[in-house]
Protein backbone atom coordinates (compact mmCIF):
# COMPACT_ATOMS: atom_id res chain seq x y z
CA MET A 1 26.40 46.82 24.09
CA GLU A 2 27.66 47.89 20.73
CA THR A 3 26.41 50.76 18.93
CA THR A 4 24.87 50.45 15.42
CA SER A 5 27.92 52.47 13.94
CA GLU A 6 30.31 49.70 15.56
CA ILE A 7 28.00 46.95 13.96
CA THR A 8 27.95 48.45 10.54
CA ASN A 9 31.54 49.07 10.27
CA GLU A 10 32.51 49.54 6.53
CA ALA A 11 35.93 48.16 7.16
CA ASN A 12 37.11 45.89 4.59
CA ASP A 13 37.47 43.01 6.94
CA GLY A 14 33.63 43.05 7.88
CA ILE A 15 31.24 40.21 7.30
CA GLU A 16 28.04 40.41 5.21
CA ILE A 17 24.87 38.59 6.61
CA TYR A 18 21.97 38.21 4.23
CA PHE A 19 18.11 38.06 5.32
CA ASN A 20 14.88 37.92 3.55
CA ASN A 21 11.73 40.08 3.62
CA PRO A 22 9.51 38.19 6.06
CA TYR A 23 6.23 40.04 4.85
CA LEU A 24 6.43 38.44 1.52
CA LEU A 25 5.41 35.02 0.53
CA PRO A 26 8.23 32.82 -1.03
CA ASN A 27 8.29 33.35 -4.95
CA GLN A 28 8.01 30.10 -6.72
CA GLY A 29 10.62 29.93 -9.28
CA ALA A 30 12.35 33.01 -8.34
CA GLU A 31 15.27 34.30 -10.44
CA PRO A 32 18.82 34.15 -8.89
CA SER A 33 19.96 37.13 -7.04
CA PRO A 34 22.94 38.89 -8.77
CA HIS A 35 24.75 38.66 -5.52
CA GLY A 36 27.63 36.42 -5.26
CA VAL A 37 26.13 34.39 -2.47
CA GLU A 38 23.89 31.42 -2.21
CA GLU A 39 20.73 33.57 -1.60
CA GLU A 40 18.17 31.31 -2.45
CA ILE A 41 17.14 27.94 -0.77
CA PHE A 42 14.41 25.84 -1.65
CA ALA A 43 11.79 25.06 1.21
CA GLN A 44 9.23 22.65 1.83
CA ASP A 45 6.34 24.88 2.71
CA THR A 46 2.84 23.60 3.89
CA GLN A 47 1.16 25.91 1.38
CA LEU A 48 3.77 25.77 -1.60
CA ASN A 49 5.93 22.96 -2.59
CA ASN A 50 9.43 23.78 -4.00
CA VAL A 51 9.34 27.40 -3.26
CA ALA A 52 12.23 30.00 -3.05
CA TYR A 53 13.04 32.49 -0.33
CA ASN A 54 14.92 35.93 -1.69
CA TYR A 55 17.61 36.85 0.62
CA ASP A 56 18.26 40.20 -1.07
CA LEU A 57 18.62 42.26 2.18
CA LYS A 58 22.16 42.51 4.15
CA LEU A 59 23.92 44.16 6.69
CA LYS A 60 27.59 44.40 7.43
CA VAL A 61 29.39 43.47 10.89
CA ALA A 62 32.92 44.35 11.52
CA ALA A 63 35.07 41.20 11.85
CA ASN A 64 36.42 41.91 15.21
CA LEU A 65 33.02 41.90 16.70
CA ILE A 66 31.82 38.52 15.79
CA HIS A 67 32.99 37.28 19.04
CA SER A 68 31.31 39.69 21.33
CA ILE A 69 28.21 40.72 19.49
CA THR A 70 24.98 38.79 19.92
CA LEU A 71 22.12 37.92 17.85
CA ASP A 72 19.85 39.84 19.82
CA ALA A 73 22.15 42.92 19.05
CA LEU A 74 21.50 42.66 15.41
CA ARG A 75 17.62 43.35 15.76
CA PRO A 76 17.92 47.17 15.69
CA MET A 77 19.69 47.11 12.39
CA ILE A 78 17.42 44.76 10.83
CA ASP A 79 14.40 46.49 12.12
CA SER A 80 15.70 49.80 10.59
CA GLN A 81 15.82 47.91 7.10
CA LEU A 82 12.54 46.45 7.52
CA LYS A 83 10.71 49.73 8.34
CA ALA A 84 11.90 51.05 5.06
CA LEU A 85 10.13 48.32 3.04
CA PRO A 86 6.51 49.06 1.88
CA GLU A 87 5.06 45.76 3.27
CA TYR A 88 6.37 46.78 6.79
CA GLN A 89 4.18 45.28 9.60
CA SER A 90 4.66 45.73 13.28
CA SER A 91 4.70 41.92 13.82
CA PRO A 92 7.26 39.81 15.93
CA TYR A 93 9.55 37.64 14.12
CA HIS A 94 12.07 35.02 15.18
CA PHE A 95 15.30 33.83 13.47
CA LYS A 96 15.91 30.44 11.59
CA ARG A 97 18.83 29.37 9.46
CA ASN A 98 16.62 28.70 6.37
CA GLY A 99 13.07 28.50 5.43
CA LEU A 100 12.49 24.62 6.12
CA ILE A 101 9.80 23.96 8.39
CA SER A 102 12.03 21.22 9.97
CA THR A 103 14.70 23.77 10.66
CA PRO A 104 14.91 24.73 14.54
CA GLN A 105 14.77 28.17 15.59
CA LEU A 106 17.78 30.03 16.97
CA LYS A 107 16.06 30.36 20.26
CA ASP A 108 19.09 31.65 22.31
CA GLU A 109 19.54 35.02 21.05
CA LYS A 110 22.05 36.00 23.85
CA LYS A 111 24.77 33.62 21.91
CA THR A 112 27.27 35.44 19.93
CA LEU A 113 27.80 35.00 16.14
CA SER A 114 30.71 33.04 16.60
CA GLU A 115 28.84 30.69 18.82
CA LEU A 116 26.02 30.29 16.42
CA ASP A 117 28.56 29.79 13.51
CA ILE A 118 27.57 32.78 11.61
CA GLY A 119 30.11 34.25 9.36
CA ASP A 120 30.58 36.12 6.15
CA GLN A 121 27.99 35.35 3.45
CA SER A 122 25.70 33.56 6.10
CA ILE A 123 22.07 33.65 5.71
CA LEU A 124 19.34 34.56 8.54
CA HIS A 125 15.82 33.46 7.79
CA LEU A 126 13.33 35.59 9.10
CA GLN A 127 9.84 34.01 10.18
CA LEU A 128 6.82 36.03 11.38
CA GLY A 129 5.50 35.04 14.81
CA ALA A 130 6.75 35.03 18.20
CA GLY A 131 9.78 32.87 18.72
CA CYS A 132 10.05 29.75 21.01
CA LYS A 133 11.47 30.03 24.34
CA ASP A 134 14.24 27.88 25.67
CA GLY A 135 12.39 24.32 26.33
CA GLU A 136 9.62 25.19 23.73
CA HIS A 137 9.17 23.70 20.10
CA MET A 138 7.19 24.79 17.09
CA LEU A 139 4.98 21.65 16.47
CA CYS A 140 3.20 21.22 12.96
CA PHE A 141 -0.27 19.89 13.04
CA GLU A 142 -1.96 17.99 10.22
CA LEU A 143 -5.57 17.22 10.21
CA GLU A 144 -6.94 13.57 9.00
CA ARG A 145 -10.28 13.73 7.66
CA SER A 146 -12.60 11.50 5.69
CA VAL A 147 -14.25 13.05 2.45
CA PRO A 148 -16.52 11.68 -0.27
CA SER A 149 -14.66 10.00 -2.88
CA SER A 150 -15.50 9.70 -6.83
CA SER A 151 -13.70 6.41 -7.15
CA GLU A 152 -15.99 3.61 -8.05
CA GLY A 153 -16.56 1.18 -5.23
CA CYS A 154 -15.19 3.53 -2.57
CA LYS A 155 -17.72 5.83 -0.69
CA GLU A 156 -14.91 7.85 1.31
CA LYS A 157 -11.32 8.43 1.28
CA THR A 158 -8.85 9.86 3.99
CA VAL A 159 -6.97 12.98 3.32
CA ILE A 160 -4.41 14.71 5.48
CA ILE A 161 -4.37 18.66 5.21
CA PRO A 162 -1.83 21.05 7.03
CA LEU A 163 -3.65 22.78 10.06
CA GLY A 164 -0.84 25.17 11.31
CA SER A 165 1.82 25.31 13.96
CA LEU A 166 2.06 26.22 17.69
CA ALA A 167 4.81 26.89 20.01
CA ILE A 168 4.33 24.13 22.80
CA SER A 169 6.56 23.36 25.83
CA GLU A 170 8.19 20.13 26.01
CA LYS A 171 7.02 19.65 29.73
CA PHE A 172 3.48 19.66 28.55
CA THR A 173 1.32 16.49 28.83
CA VAL A 174 -0.63 15.26 26.01
CA VAL A 175 -3.97 16.39 27.63
CA GLN A 176 -2.73 20.09 27.96
CA LEU A 177 -1.55 19.89 24.40
CA LYS A 178 -5.25 19.01 23.42
CA HIS A 179 -6.73 21.80 25.39
CA CYS A 180 -4.39 24.20 23.80
CA LEU A 181 -4.91 22.86 20.33
CA PHE A 182 -8.78 23.24 21.18
CA GLU A 183 -8.53 26.89 22.18
CA LYS A 184 -6.48 27.63 19.11
CA TRP A 185 -8.78 25.78 16.69
CA ALA A 186 -10.77 28.42 15.48
CA GLU A 187 -7.58 30.38 14.54
CA LEU A 188 -5.90 27.50 13.03
CA SER A 189 -8.59 26.19 10.93
CA GLY A 190 -9.51 29.66 9.62
CA ALA A 191 -5.87 29.88 8.12
CA VAL A 192 -6.17 26.69 6.01
CA ALA A 193 -5.98 27.32 2.36
CA PRO A 194 -9.45 26.79 0.58
CA SER A 195 -7.68 24.42 -1.95
CA HIS A 196 -7.04 21.99 0.88
CA LEU A 197 -10.73 21.97 1.82
CA GLN A 198 -11.99 20.79 -1.72
CA ASP A 199 -13.30 17.29 -2.45
CA ASP A 200 -13.03 15.38 -5.99
CA ASP A 201 -15.68 17.61 -7.21
CA GLU A 202 -14.19 21.04 -5.91
CA ASN A 203 -16.64 21.38 -3.30
CA ILE A 204 -15.57 23.25 -0.10
CA LEU A 205 -15.90 21.14 2.92
CA PRO A 206 -15.44 23.06 6.09
CA ILE A 207 -13.31 21.52 8.92
CA GLU A 208 -15.31 20.10 11.79
CA THR A 209 -14.90 21.67 15.04
CA PRO A 210 -14.40 19.39 18.01
CA GLN A 211 -16.85 19.46 20.75
CA SER A 212 -14.29 19.55 23.57
CA ALA A 213 -10.69 18.57 24.04
CA ASN A 214 -11.65 15.19 24.78
CA HIS A 215 -12.93 14.82 21.37
CA ILE A 216 -9.42 15.35 19.75
CA ARG A 217 -6.95 12.32 19.34
CA LEU A 218 -3.17 12.90 18.56
CA ARG A 219 -0.67 10.66 16.75
CA ASP A 220 3.04 11.00 16.27
CA PHE A 221 3.90 11.31 12.45
CA LYS A 222 7.36 11.42 12.53
CA GLY A 223 8.99 10.14 9.16
CA GLY A 224 5.68 9.92 7.56
CA LYS A 225 4.42 7.05 9.60
CA GLN A 226 1.70 7.31 12.16
CA SER A 227 2.07 5.90 15.80
CA GLY A 228 -0.54 4.94 18.17
CA PRO A 229 -2.57 7.43 19.83
CA LEU A 230 -0.72 9.39 22.39
CA ARG A 231 -1.70 8.85 26.21
CA ASP A 232 -3.28 11.72 27.88
CA ASP A 233 -0.90 11.52 30.81
CA ARG A 234 2.37 11.27 29.04
CA ILE A 235 4.78 14.26 28.76
CA LEU A 236 5.67 15.33 25.26
CA GLY A 237 9.60 15.44 25.93
CA ARG A 238 9.23 11.70 26.79
CA CYS A 239 6.79 10.24 24.47
CA LEU A 240 8.15 12.23 21.44
CA LEU A 241 11.56 11.10 21.37
CA GLY A 242 14.07 13.64 19.41
CA LEU A 243 11.52 16.36 19.80
CA ALA A 244 12.45 19.49 17.76
CA ASP A 245 10.96 22.25 15.82
CA GLY A 246 8.90 21.15 12.80
CA ARG A 247 7.75 17.77 14.55
CA LYS A 248 4.54 16.75 12.81
CA LEU A 249 1.41 15.48 14.84
CA ILE A 250 -1.67 14.00 13.24
CA VAL A 251 -5.00 15.32 14.45
CA GLN A 252 -8.42 13.35 14.46
CA VAL A 253 -11.76 14.89 15.35
CA LEU A 254 -13.84 12.18 17.29
CA GLN A 255 -17.61 11.75 17.65
CA LYS A 256 -17.25 10.59 21.19
CA GLU A 257 -15.19 11.70 23.95
CA GLU A 258 -11.88 9.64 24.53
CA GLN A 259 -9.43 9.47 27.31
CA ILE A 260 -6.47 7.15 26.81
CA ALA A 261 -4.47 6.55 29.97
CA ALA A 262 -1.06 4.86 30.42
CA ASP A 263 -2.97 1.50 31.13
CA ASP A 264 -5.15 1.57 27.98
CA ILE A 265 -4.42 -0.32 24.76
CA LEU A 266 -6.21 0.58 21.49
CA ILE A 267 -7.85 -2.23 19.75
CA SER A 268 -8.47 -2.19 16.17
CA LEU A 269 -12.26 -3.74 15.88
CA ARG A 270 -13.75 -4.79 12.56
CA LEU A 271 -17.30 -5.76 12.04
CA ALA A 272 -18.21 -8.65 9.60
CA THR A 273 -21.44 -8.67 7.98
CA TYR A 274 -22.23 -11.57 5.77
CA PHE A 275 -25.98 -11.15 4.82
CA GLY A 276 -27.86 -8.63 2.85
CA ASP A 277 -26.80 -6.09 0.39
CA ASP A 278 -24.15 -4.37 2.95
CA LYS A 279 -22.01 -7.48 3.38
CA ALA A 280 -18.49 -6.28 3.87
CA LEU A 281 -15.82 -6.17 6.41
CA SER A 282 -16.02 -2.74 8.05
CA GLY A 283 -13.00 -0.50 8.42
CA PRO A 284 -10.86 -0.54 11.65
CA ILE A 285 -12.57 1.05 14.66
CA GLU A 286 -10.13 2.00 17.51
CA LEU A 287 -11.39 0.87 20.70
CA PRO A 288 -9.66 1.71 23.95
CA MET A 289 -9.65 -0.78 26.64
CA GLN A 290 -7.81 -1.14 29.98
CA ARG A 291 -5.10 -3.88 30.05
CA SER A 292 -6.62 -5.21 33.07
CA ASN A 293 -10.09 -5.74 31.50
CA THR A 294 -11.16 -9.31 31.25
CA ILE A 295 -12.34 -11.20 28.08
CA LYS A 296 -15.84 -10.89 29.29
CA GLN A 297 -15.76 -7.37 29.70
CA LEU A 298 -14.48 -7.13 26.07
CA TYR A 299 -17.50 -9.16 24.82
CA GLU A 300 -19.65 -6.55 26.91
CA LYS A 301 -17.98 -3.49 25.45
CA VAL A 302 -18.40 -4.79 21.76
CA LEU A 303 -22.08 -5.57 22.27
CA ALA A 304 -22.71 -2.20 23.72
CA MET A 305 -20.97 -0.55 20.63
CA PHE A 306 -23.22 -2.48 18.21
CA PRO A 307 -26.51 -3.11 19.72
CA HIS A 308 -27.84 -4.43 16.54
CA LEU A 309 -26.09 -7.71 17.20
CA GLN A 310 -28.31 -8.56 19.97
CA GLU A 311 -30.72 -9.91 17.67
CA PRO A 312 -31.78 -13.47 18.82
CA LEU A 313 -31.31 -16.39 16.71
CA PRO A 314 -34.58 -17.64 14.82
CA ASP A 315 -36.05 -20.94 15.86
CA GLU A 316 -35.48 -22.20 12.26
CA LEU A 317 -31.68 -21.57 12.25
CA VAL A 318 -31.12 -23.06 15.69
CA VAL A 319 -28.49 -25.76 15.15
CA GLU A 320 -28.19 -28.70 17.77
CA SER A 321 -24.85 -28.33 19.44
CA ASP A 322 -22.61 -31.29 20.17
CA PRO A 323 -23.57 -32.67 23.65
CA ALA A 324 -19.97 -33.26 24.45
CA ALA A 325 -19.10 -29.59 23.76
CA VAL A 326 -19.03 -26.93 26.82
CA ASP A 327 -21.55 -24.49 26.98
CA TYR A 328 -19.79 -21.20 27.35
CA SER A 329 -23.04 -19.15 27.09
CA VAL A 330 -23.59 -19.55 30.75
CA THR A 331 -20.42 -17.48 31.80
CA VAL A 332 -20.37 -15.42 28.56
CA PRO A 333 -24.08 -14.78 27.73
CA GLU A 334 -22.87 -12.35 24.83
CA THR A 335 -21.86 -15.70 22.78
CA LYS A 336 -25.62 -16.33 22.12
CA PHE A 337 -25.67 -13.08 20.02
CA MET A 338 -22.30 -12.81 18.68
CA ALA A 339 -18.84 -14.17 18.07
CA LEU A 340 -15.41 -12.57 18.36
CA ALA A 341 -12.09 -13.61 16.85
CA ARG A 342 -8.66 -12.33 16.95
CA GLY A 343 -7.48 -11.27 13.33
CA TYR A 344 -4.01 -11.61 12.08
CA SER A 345 -1.88 -8.58 11.44
CA THR A 346 0.65 -10.18 9.14
CA GLY A 347 0.28 -12.24 5.95
CA PRO A 348 -2.40 -11.45 3.26
CA ALA A 349 -4.89 -8.61 3.97
CA LEU A 350 -7.96 -9.58 6.23
CA THR A 351 -11.06 -9.78 3.93
CA LEU A 352 -14.70 -10.96 4.42
CA LYS A 353 -13.80 -14.32 2.93
CA ASN A 354 -10.72 -15.27 4.63
CA SER A 355 -12.31 -14.08 8.07
CA LEU A 356 -14.43 -17.17 7.70
CA LYS A 357 -11.16 -19.06 8.61
CA LEU A 358 -10.67 -17.23 12.00
CA LYS A 359 -11.26 -18.97 15.31
CA TRP A 360 -14.76 -17.71 16.16
CA ASN A 361 -15.50 -17.99 20.13
CA ASP A 362 -12.45 -19.92 20.47
CA PRO A 363 -13.01 -22.41 23.53
CA THR A 364 -9.45 -21.89 24.61
CA VAL A 365 -10.32 -18.14 25.10
CA LEU A 366 -13.68 -18.59 26.51
CA LYS A 367 -12.78 -21.04 29.26
CA ASP A 368 -10.82 -18.36 31.22
CA ALA A 369 -13.32 -15.35 30.08
CA LEU A 370 -13.82 -14.41 33.59
CA THR A 371 -10.25 -14.18 34.84
CA ALA A 372 -7.86 -13.80 31.90
CA THR A 373 -6.75 -10.15 31.13
CA LEU A 374 -6.68 -8.80 27.76
CA ASP A 375 -2.77 -8.26 27.74
CA ARG A 376 -2.13 -11.77 29.14
CA PRO A 377 -2.65 -15.28 27.45
CA PRO A 378 -4.60 -16.58 25.60
CA LEU A 379 -5.34 -13.14 23.75
CA ASN A 380 -2.05 -11.32 24.36
CA LEU A 381 -3.73 -7.96 22.96
CA ARG A 382 -1.53 -4.82 22.17
CA ASP A 383 -1.89 -1.59 20.54
CA GLY A 384 -3.44 -2.15 17.15
CA SER A 385 -4.20 -5.75 17.56
CA ILE A 386 -7.44 -6.83 15.60
CA ILE A 387 -10.72 -8.17 16.80
CA VAL A 388 -13.41 -9.18 14.21
CA ALA A 389 -17.02 -9.26 15.48
CA ARG A 390 -20.06 -11.03 13.72
CA GLY A 391 -23.87 -11.21 14.56
CA GLY A 392 -25.04 -14.76 15.29
CA ALA A 393 -28.29 -14.29 13.50
CA ASP A 394 -26.50 -12.60 10.46
CA TYR A 395 -24.01 -15.25 9.93
CA ALA A 396 -26.69 -18.12 10.32
CA ARG A 397 -28.78 -16.54 7.66
CA ALA A 398 -25.81 -16.30 5.30
CA GLU A 399 -24.64 -19.86 6.05
CA VAL A 400 -28.01 -21.14 4.83
CA ILE A 401 -27.48 -19.29 1.57
CA MET A 402 -24.08 -20.58 1.09
CA LYS A 403 -25.26 -24.10 1.68
CA GLN A 404 -27.96 -23.77 -0.82
CA LYS A 405 -25.51 -22.14 -3.25
CA ARG A 406 -23.20 -25.05 -2.79
CA GLN A 407 -25.86 -27.79 -3.43
CA GLN A 408 -26.91 -25.89 -6.65
CA ALA A 409 -23.39 -25.93 -7.71
CA ALA A 410 -23.00 -29.66 -7.08
CA LEU A 411 -26.18 -30.45 -9.08
CA GLU A 412 -24.94 -28.13 -11.86
CA ALA A 413 -21.68 -29.85 -12.10
CA GLU A 414 -23.24 -33.21 -12.18
CA ALA A 415 -25.51 -32.40 -15.05
CA ARG A 416 -22.97 -30.61 -16.97
CA PRO A 417 -21.25 -32.77 -19.79
CA VAL A 418 -17.59 -33.76 -19.22
CA SER A 419 -15.29 -31.40 -20.66
CA ARG A 420 -13.01 -33.01 -23.16
CA GLY A 421 -10.51 -30.22 -23.14
CA ALA A 422 -9.08 -28.07 -25.94
CA GLY A 423 -5.39 -28.39 -25.50
CA ALA A 424 -2.82 -29.86 -27.85
CA ALA A 425 -2.35 -32.85 -25.55
CA ALA A 426 -6.05 -33.33 -25.54
CA VAL A 427 -6.45 -33.21 -29.35
CA ARG A 428 -3.44 -35.51 -29.64
CA ALA A 429 -4.97 -38.00 -27.37
CA ARG A 430 -8.32 -37.82 -29.11
CA LEU A 431 -6.61 -38.51 -32.41
CA ARG A 432 -4.75 -41.58 -31.16
CA ALA A 433 -8.06 -42.89 -29.70
CA LYS A 434 -9.76 -42.35 -33.01
CA GLN A 435 -6.90 -44.15 -34.89
CA GLN A 436 -7.03 -46.95 -32.66
CA GLN A 437 -10.78 -47.53 -33.13
CA GLU A 438 -10.23 -47.28 -37.18
CA ARG A 439 -7.37 -50.05 -36.85
CA GLU A 440 -9.67 -52.14 -34.71
CA ALA A 441 -12.61 -51.57 -37.05
CA ALA A 442 -10.25 -52.62 -40.10
CA ALA A 443 -9.13 -55.78 -38.33
CA ALA A 444 -12.61 -56.72 -37.58
CA ALA A 445 -13.59 -56.13 -41.00
CA SER A 446 -10.48 -58.29 -42.40
CA ASN A 447 -11.38 -61.47 -40.29
CA ASP A 448 -14.89 -61.70 -41.87
CA GLY A 449 -13.51 -60.84 -45.44
CA SER A 450 -15.76 -57.81 -45.78
CA ILE A 451 -12.99 -55.14 -46.48
CA GLU A 452 -13.98 -52.66 -48.81
CA THR A 453 -11.26 -50.89 -50.97
CA ALA A 454 -11.61 -47.16 -50.81
CA PRO A 455 -11.75 -45.17 -54.04
CA ALA A 456 -8.44 -43.43 -53.09
CA ASP A 457 -6.73 -46.86 -52.64
CA LEU A 458 -7.99 -48.16 -56.22
CA ALA A 459 -6.43 -45.04 -57.76
CA VAL A 460 -3.16 -45.54 -56.27
CA ALA A 461 -3.26 -49.15 -57.31
CA ALA A 462 -3.79 -48.25 -60.92
CA ALA A 463 -1.13 -45.52 -60.83
CA CYS A 464 1.34 -48.30 -59.62
CA LEU A 465 0.28 -50.91 -62.46
CA GLU A 466 0.91 -48.06 -65.03
CA HIS A 467 4.24 -47.45 -63.94
CA SER A 468 5.27 -50.93 -63.85
CA LYS A 469 4.50 -51.21 -67.52
CA SER A 470 7.10 -48.63 -68.51
CA VAL A 471 10.01 -50.46 -66.46
CA PRO A 472 12.07 -53.06 -68.89
CA ALA A 473 11.57 -56.64 -67.76
CA LEU A 474 14.73 -58.45 -66.25
CA PRO A 475 16.17 -61.04 -68.63
CA SER A 476 15.47 -64.67 -67.82
CA PRO A 477 18.05 -66.85 -66.62
CA ASP A 478 18.45 -68.84 -69.99
CA LYS A 479 19.58 -65.58 -71.57
CA LEU A 480 22.17 -65.07 -69.20
CA LYS A 481 25.02 -66.82 -70.98
CA GLY A 482 28.80 -66.63 -70.63
CA LEU A 483 28.82 -64.32 -67.34
CA SER A 484 32.48 -63.54 -66.47
CA ALA A 485 33.81 -63.07 -63.00
CA HIS A 486 33.41 -59.45 -63.65
CA PRO A 487 29.93 -58.91 -65.16
CA PHE A 488 29.47 -55.51 -66.67
CA GLY A 489 33.33 -54.81 -66.17
CA GLU A 490 35.71 -53.57 -68.91
CA GLY A 491 34.11 -55.74 -71.67
CA ASP A 492 30.72 -54.74 -73.42
CA ALA A 493 27.39 -56.04 -72.91
CA ALA A 494 27.58 -58.89 -75.30
CA ALA A 495 30.72 -60.21 -73.66
CA ALA A 496 28.96 -60.32 -70.54
CA GLY A 497 26.52 -62.60 -72.17
CA VAL A 498 23.54 -60.23 -71.68
CA VAL A 499 21.48 -60.43 -74.93
CA ASP A 500 17.81 -60.04 -75.95
CA GLU A 501 15.59 -62.69 -77.83
CA ASN A 502 17.33 -61.87 -80.99
CA GLY A 503 20.97 -62.19 -79.67
CA ALA A 504 21.54 -58.45 -79.46
CA ALA A 505 23.42 -57.08 -76.48
CA LEU A 506 21.18 -55.16 -74.05
CA PRO A 507 22.40 -51.77 -72.74
CA PRO A 508 23.86 -51.86 -69.34
CA PRO A 509 21.50 -51.06 -66.32
CA GLN A 510 21.06 -47.42 -65.32
CA ASN A 511 22.99 -47.82 -61.95
CA SER A 512 25.88 -49.68 -63.50
CA PRO A 513 29.45 -47.86 -63.79
CA ARG A 514 29.07 -47.54 -67.50
CA ALA A 515 25.78 -45.92 -67.39
């Protein structure tokens, strides 16, 4: 093993390696270091966004040693500089290439600097905490919880807060990971920043502690998208493809125990309430079922989850069924109290209104309720498939109210006067109809001689008569004498034979060429 003096050879051909102070939090908006290297990188931290680490500590290694010195051999020199810092703590640390959470650790410290591509002006990021061994990965856990919302029309909202990180072996099963997370729960939840525990009114809401490891549900959060729940018997290295340091998992704390095996599917169950003040379509409730369960067992499980749906139908709301229809309540007695329908997962969002169009208690489904399994036709359920449930008595009461409203609306429509419209086309149509009525009335009046002249028409007639008096009268034929072939040509008016009563020549008309 090389000595410290060999590592810190001050030869001109030595390489400089920069590292940070691991005992200090990154400084937001830190000033650039005067060193001529890229000593600041921006990291995406769970506590701070856009934070910068200062890499102002350095050590020098002889250039001829980079092919033989290992990363583990650098620890004594780094420790000697860390002990001189006022913030020094005797805590373990591990190596990374930068401060990003997703950056994997340098786990194999027996590799040489050249094998790790560490050269001159390289950066080593020191992170507090024991490093992962070969085959282990630092997983980041984020807690999904519901908190009260101050938004109008929304009682709760879902938020995701960082919970912490754990070094986990890739050979662990999901149930082993749950037990490990349950054991470290107090430590992780106690380190969460108080700012992440506040609601809209800035009240601190403590993190709920699960009752056992079976009260924890895990989902993959790769790429910012949640996957389906991880099965308990699956191995992490196989169910989390591309597993590496910084992989995020979503944690949910359940009220009831849950064990999801490889043969299980997770159905998204929604409850439709049509009557009363609480009429709404509930949010999705994830219901684990075995693939080999029958359709009848699905009815039994849903009715056991919602016992209030077992309300019998009142006698006044009982409707006579079609005698030709098959009564499936003999094989599936649960259909007397409730109805199920498969919801659609594509197209417009499923609402309480368009849920009325679903196929409730579909006969094609009920006829094979005792033999058909959930993952086979006619249901073909998969992870995330939507099943909507409604109570029979609840829907019957709402249907009576809806019929009364439709009848009332029909009566109001009959009593309401016909709308004549207010658009331009309607206005023109009414104007034409009015003009046509006036013409017909005028024609009828002219036939019986009872046309009355309007005062405006009399005024127009008087104005025309007055104007006619000011226009000169045309000469009579007797006074048109000696007209030539070219009247009003080159000769004067007398030559043209146009004279007045005394024989005097009349001036040419205003529109003549000589005017």
